[in-house]
Amino acid sequence: MAHADWIIDLGPGAGHDGGRITFEGTAAELIADGSTLTGKHLTEYVGN
């Protein structure tokens, strides 16, 4: 994900709790946004 050109994050949960687009953009934008669970984990992964 850290090297993806474009990320579409679905959520906010799984199954019946998911299916909405919670974020769409670059990995850098997802890290800067930090409002989704995916963004928080990606931030930790890249060491920010």
C-alpha atoms as a PDB file:
ATOM      1  CA  MET A   1       0.000   0.000   0.000  1.00  0.00           C
ATOM      2  CA  ALA A   2       2.825   2.410   0.815  1.00  0.00           C
ATOM      3  CA  HIS A   3       3.955   2.196  -2.828  1.00  0.00           C
ATOM      4  CA  ALA A   4       0.519   2.322  -4.465  1.00  0.00           C
ATOM      5  CA  ASP A   5      -0.303   5.064  -6.954  1.00  0.00           C
ATOM      6  CA  TRP A   6      -3.880   5.409  -5.678  1.00  0.00           C
ATOM      7  CA  ILE A   7      -5.725   3.983  -2.661  1.00  0.00           C
ATOM      8  CA  ILE A   8      -9.450   3.507  -2.207  1.00  0.00           C
ATOM      9  CA  ASP A   9     -10.181   2.655   1.420  1.00  0.00           C
ATOM     10  CA  LEU A  10     -13.535   1.008   2.115  1.00  0.00           C
ATOM     11  CA  GLY A  11     -15.102   0.814   5.520  1.00  0.00           C
ATOM     12  CA  PRO A  12     -15.524   1.812   8.193  1.00  0.00           C
ATOM     13  CA  GLY A  13     -15.771  -1.883   9.187  1.00  0.00           C
ATOM     14  CA  ALA A  14     -16.243  -5.264   7.599  1.00  0.00           C
ATOM     15  CA  GLY A  15     -19.352  -7.004   6.305  1.00  0.00           C
ATOM     16  CA  HIS A  16     -22.549  -5.086   6.967  1.00  0.00           C
ATOM     17  CA  ASP A  17     -20.558  -2.306   8.661  1.00  0.00           C
ATOM     18  CA  GLY A  18     -18.476  -1.593   5.552  1.00  0.00           C
ATOM     19  CA  GLY A  19     -18.849  -0.765   1.928  1.00  0.00           C
ATOM     20  CA  ARG A  20     -18.516   3.029   2.037  1.00  0.00           C
ATOM     21  CA  ILE A  21     -15.532   4.828   0.543  1.00  0.00           C
ATOM     22  CA  THR A  22     -13.806   6.322   3.579  1.00  0.00           C
ATOM     23  CA  PHE A  23     -10.783   7.665   1.680  1.00  0.00           C
ATOM     24  CA  GLU A  24      -9.564   8.037  -1.888  1.00  0.00           C
ATOM     25  CA  GLY A  25      -6.137   9.384  -2.801  1.00  0.00           C
ATOM     26  CA  THR A  26      -2.402   8.762  -2.624  1.00  0.00           C
ATOM     27  CA  ALA A  27      -0.598   6.973   0.189  1.00  0.00           C
ATOM     28  CA  ALA A  28       0.922  10.283   1.300  1.00  0.00           C
ATOM     29  CA  GLU A  29      -2.538  11.856   1.483  1.00  0.00           C
ATOM     30  CA  LEU A  30      -3.859   8.875   3.460  1.00  0.00           C
ATOM     31  CA  ILE A  31      -1.006   9.232   5.956  1.00  0.00           C
ATOM     32  CA  ALA A  32      -1.599  12.976   6.256  1.00  0.00           C
ATOM     33  CA  ASP A  33      -5.350  12.450   6.715  1.00  0.00           C
ATOM     34  CA  GLY A  34      -4.943   9.765   9.382  1.00  0.00           C
ATOM     35  CA  SER A  35      -8.683   9.549  10.078  1.00  0.00           C
ATOM     36  CA  THR A  36      -9.152   5.921   8.992  1.00  0.00           C
ATOM     37  CA  LEU A  37      -7.849   2.762  10.612  1.00  0.00           C
ATOM     38  CA  THR A  38      -5.939   2.000   7.416  1.00  0.00           C
ATOM     39  CA  GLY A  39      -4.330   5.447   7.528  1.00  0.00           C
ATOM     40  CA  LYS A  40      -3.256   4.970  11.127  1.00  0.00           C
ATOM     41  CA  HIS A  41      -1.676   1.589  10.388  1.00  0.00           C
ATOM     42  CA  LEU A  42       0.017   2.859   7.224  1.00  0.00           C
ATOM     43  CA  THR A  43       1.472   5.767   9.220  1.00  0.00           C
ATOM     44  CA  GLU A  44       2.967   3.307  11.722  1.00  0.00           C
ATOM     45  CA  TYR A  45       4.277   1.105   8.895  1.00  0.00           C
ATOM     46  CA  VAL A  46       6.188   3.919   7.197  1.00  0.00           C
ATOM     47  CA  GLY A  47       7.456   5.204  10.549  1.00  0.00           C
ATOM     48  CA  ASN A  48       5.823   8.637  10.768  1.00  0.00           C
END
